[in-house]
Amino acid sequence: MTVVAKCGRRLAQYACADECTCHPNFVFLNCSQPGSNNIEVSCESPVMYAQRKNAERNRTSYQLQPTCPQHQQHGQCFVNLIRKMQCSFSWDWGPSFPSTGIW
């Protein structure tokens, strides 16, 4: 399997593999092989991603506040380290339903 692109953020940051040419709309050139080709998309849990980013940051820098929402909110911690809609991690008016997938 060859990785042709990676996205790190919701706001369209991506990196293409050296042997491929890709455009902003993820049109890949020079990547397909004769015969059958498959595209696989994998998504990481936003909660786990935020926890991992916090652990990485704690090794190199100071902790950013707030780390977790108030207890009454029943939200997720470290969401300030992820580029996603913050209200999906809970808000004063709604539950925590962090989404994952392709928009």
C-alpha atoms as a PDB file:
ATOM      1  CA  MET A   1       0.000   0.000   0.000  1.00  0.00           C
ATOM      2  CA  THR A   2       1.250   3.475  -0.889  1.00  0.00           C
ATOM      3  CA  VAL A   3       0.205   6.523   1.106  1.00  0.00           C
ATOM      4  CA  VAL A   4      -0.630   9.246  -1.399  1.00  0.00           C
ATOM      5  CA  ALA A   5      -1.879  12.005   0.919  1.00  0.00           C
ATOM      6  CA  LYS A   6      -2.462  12.895   4.568  1.00  0.00           C
ATOM      7  CA  CYS A   7      -4.794  15.483   6.058  1.00  0.00           C
ATOM      8  CA  GLY A   8      -3.981  16.915   9.438  1.00  0.00           C
ATOM      9  CA  ARG A   9      -6.796  19.413   9.875  1.00  0.00           C
ATOM     10  CA  ARG A  10     -10.390  19.994   9.076  1.00  0.00           C
ATOM     11  CA  LEU A  11      -9.460  23.141   7.172  1.00  0.00           C
ATOM     12  CA  ALA A  12      -7.825  21.322   4.230  1.00  0.00           C
ATOM     13  CA  GLN A  13      -4.180  20.997   5.169  1.00  0.00           C
ATOM     14  CA  TYR A  14      -2.723  18.029   3.349  1.00  0.00           C
ATOM     15  CA  ALA A  15       0.576  16.608   2.161  1.00  0.00           C
ATOM     16  CA  CYS A  16       1.122  14.511  -0.973  1.00  0.00           C
ATOM     17  CA  ALA A  17       3.534  11.640  -1.383  1.00  0.00           C
ATOM     18  CA  ASP A  18       6.627  12.452  -3.457  1.00  0.00           C
ATOM     19  CA  GLU A  19       5.699  10.231  -6.403  1.00  0.00           C
ATOM     20  CA  CYS A  20       2.215  11.746  -6.777  1.00  0.00           C
ATOM     21  CA  THR A  21       0.844  15.056  -7.894  1.00  0.00           C
ATOM     22  CA  CYS A  22      -2.292  16.143  -6.068  1.00  0.00           C
ATOM     23  CA  HIS A  23      -4.405  19.246  -6.286  1.00  0.00           C
ATOM     24  CA  PRO A  24      -6.515  21.047  -3.647  1.00  0.00           C
ATOM     25  CA  ASN A  25      -9.578  18.926  -4.489  1.00  0.00           C
ATOM     26  CA  PHE A  26      -7.601  15.700  -3.979  1.00  0.00           C
ATOM     27  CA  VAL A  27      -7.270  14.876  -7.664  1.00  0.00           C
ATOM     28  CA  PHE A  28      -4.290  12.521  -7.755  1.00  0.00           C
ATOM     29  CA  LEU A  29      -2.110  12.176 -10.834  1.00  0.00           C
ATOM     30  CA  ASN A  30       0.670   9.635 -11.407  1.00  0.00           C
ATOM     31  CA  CYS A  31      -0.458   7.476  -8.462  1.00  0.00           C
ATOM     32  CA  SER A  32      -2.637   4.763  -9.986  1.00  0.00           C
ATOM     33  CA  GLN A  33      -1.280   1.434 -11.181  1.00  0.00           C
ATOM     34  CA  PRO A  34      -2.591  -0.661 -14.095  1.00  0.00           C
ATOM     35  CA  GLY A  35      -5.320  -3.001 -12.886  1.00  0.00           C
ATOM     36  CA  SER A  36      -7.229  -2.602  -9.655  1.00  0.00           C
ATOM     37  CA  ASN A  37      -6.679   0.422  -7.399  1.00  0.00           C
ATOM     38  CA  ASN A  38      -8.187   1.010  -3.962  1.00  0.00           C
ATOM     39  CA  ILE A  39      -8.520   4.121  -1.854  1.00  0.00           C
ATOM     40  CA  GLU A  40      -8.579   3.715   1.917  1.00  0.00           C
ATOM     41  CA  VAL A  41      -9.545   6.507   4.281  1.00  0.00           C
ATOM     42  CA  SER A  42      -8.744   6.209   7.983  1.00  0.00           C
ATOM     43  CA  CYS A  43      -9.927   8.621  10.662  1.00  0.00           C
ATOM     44  CA  GLU A  44      -8.657   8.998  14.214  1.00  0.00           C
ATOM     45  CA  SER A  45     -10.989   9.653  17.131  1.00  0.00           C
ATOM     46  CA  PRO A  46     -10.912  13.400  17.832  1.00  0.00           C
ATOM     47  CA  VAL A  47     -10.914  12.703  21.582  1.00  0.00           C
ATOM     48  CA  MET A  48      -7.887  10.401  21.294  1.00  0.00           C
ATOM     49  CA  TYR A  49      -6.160  12.860  18.949  1.00  0.00           C
ATOM     50  CA  ALA A  50      -6.606  15.703  21.449  1.00  0.00           C
ATOM     51  CA  GLN A  51      -5.234  13.531  24.268  1.00  0.00           C
ATOM     52  CA  ARG A  52      -2.222  12.542  22.156  1.00  0.00           C
ATOM     53  CA  LYS A  53      -1.535  16.171  21.200  1.00  0.00           C
ATOM     54  CA  ASN A  54      -1.702  17.156  24.877  1.00  0.00           C
ATOM     55  CA  ALA A  55       0.810  14.449  25.819  1.00  0.00           C
ATOM     56  CA  GLU A  56       3.148  15.591  23.008  1.00  0.00           C
ATOM     57  CA  ARG A  57       2.826  19.227  24.050  1.00  0.00           C
ATOM     58  CA  ASN A  58       3.497  18.460  27.731  1.00  0.00           C
ATOM     59  CA  ARG A  59       6.868  16.966  26.777  1.00  0.00           C
ATOM     60  CA  THR A  60       8.007  20.139  25.025  1.00  0.00           C
ATOM     61  CA  SER A  61       6.069  23.106  26.374  1.00  0.00           C
ATOM     62  CA  TYR A  62       3.684  24.429  28.985  1.00  0.00           C
ATOM     63  CA  GLN A  63       0.067  23.342  29.311  1.00  0.00           C
ATOM     64  CA  LEU A  64      -2.573  25.431  27.551  1.00  0.00           C
ATOM     65  CA  GLN A  65      -5.646  26.366  29.549  1.00  0.00           C
ATOM     66  CA  PRO A  66      -8.391  25.395  29.861  1.00  0.00           C
ATOM     67  CA  THR A  67      -7.467  21.719  29.917  1.00  0.00           C
ATOM     68  CA  CYS A  68     -10.953  20.392  30.654  1.00  0.00           C
ATOM     69  CA  PRO A  69     -14.450  21.884  30.798  1.00  0.00           C
ATOM     70  CA  GLN A  70     -16.328  22.276  34.053  1.00  0.00           C
ATOM     71  CA  HIS A  71     -17.591  19.010  35.548  1.00  0.00           C
ATOM     72  CA  GLN A  72     -21.251  19.956  35.013  1.00  0.00           C
ATOM     73  CA  GLN A  73     -20.635  20.202  31.282  1.00  0.00           C
ATOM     74  CA  HIS A  74     -19.647  16.502  30.888  1.00  0.00           C
ATOM     75  CA  GLY A  75     -17.324  17.472  28.029  1.00  0.00           C
ATOM     76  CA  GLN A  76     -13.994  16.322  26.643  1.00  0.00           C
ATOM     77  CA  CYS A  77     -10.548  17.512  27.676  1.00  0.00           C
ATOM     78  CA  PHE A  78      -7.836  19.196  25.581  1.00  0.00           C
ATOM     79  CA  VAL A  79     -10.164  20.157  22.711  1.00  0.00           C
ATOM     80  CA  ASN A  80      -8.341  23.480  22.386  1.00  0.00           C
ATOM     81  CA  LEU A  81      -5.553  21.471  20.707  1.00  0.00           C
ATOM     82  CA  ILE A  82      -7.700  20.253  17.812  1.00  0.00           C
ATOM     83  CA  ARG A  83      -9.097  22.152  14.813  1.00  0.00           C
ATOM     84  CA  LYS A  84     -12.723  21.079  15.029  1.00  0.00           C
ATOM     85  CA  MET A  85     -16.022  22.693  15.874  1.00  0.00           C
ATOM     86  CA  GLN A  86     -15.625  23.197  19.638  1.00  0.00           C
ATOM     87  CA  CYS A  87     -19.315  22.829  20.457  1.00  0.00           C
ATOM     88  CA  SER A  88     -19.212  19.170  19.312  1.00  0.00           C
ATOM     89  CA  PHE A  89     -17.137  18.433  22.438  1.00  0.00           C
ATOM     90  CA  SER A  90     -19.969  19.776  24.663  1.00  0.00           C
ATOM     91  CA  TRP A  91     -21.143  23.247  25.430  1.00  0.00           C
ATOM     92  CA  ASP A  92     -23.313  24.819  28.090  1.00  0.00           C
ATOM     93  CA  TRP A  93     -26.346  24.059  25.895  1.00  0.00           C
ATOM     94  CA  GLY A  94     -25.529  20.637  24.444  1.00  0.00           C
ATOM     95  CA  PRO A  95     -23.962  17.192  24.935  1.00  0.00           C
ATOM     96  CA  SER A  96     -20.560  15.974  23.752  1.00  0.00           C
ATOM     97  CA  PHE A  97     -20.814  14.276  20.339  1.00  0.00           C
ATOM     98  CA  PRO A  98     -17.435  14.807  18.647  1.00  0.00           C
ATOM     99  CA  SER A  99     -17.775  13.798  15.015  1.00  0.00           C
ATOM    100  CA  THR A 100     -15.290  11.958  12.840  1.00  0.00           C
ATOM    101  CA  GLY A 101     -15.345  11.604   9.088  1.00  0.00           C
ATOM    102  CA  ILE A 102     -15.223  13.371   5.774  1.00  0.00           C
ATOM    103  CA  TRP A 103     -17.204  16.573   5.360  1.00  0.00           C
END
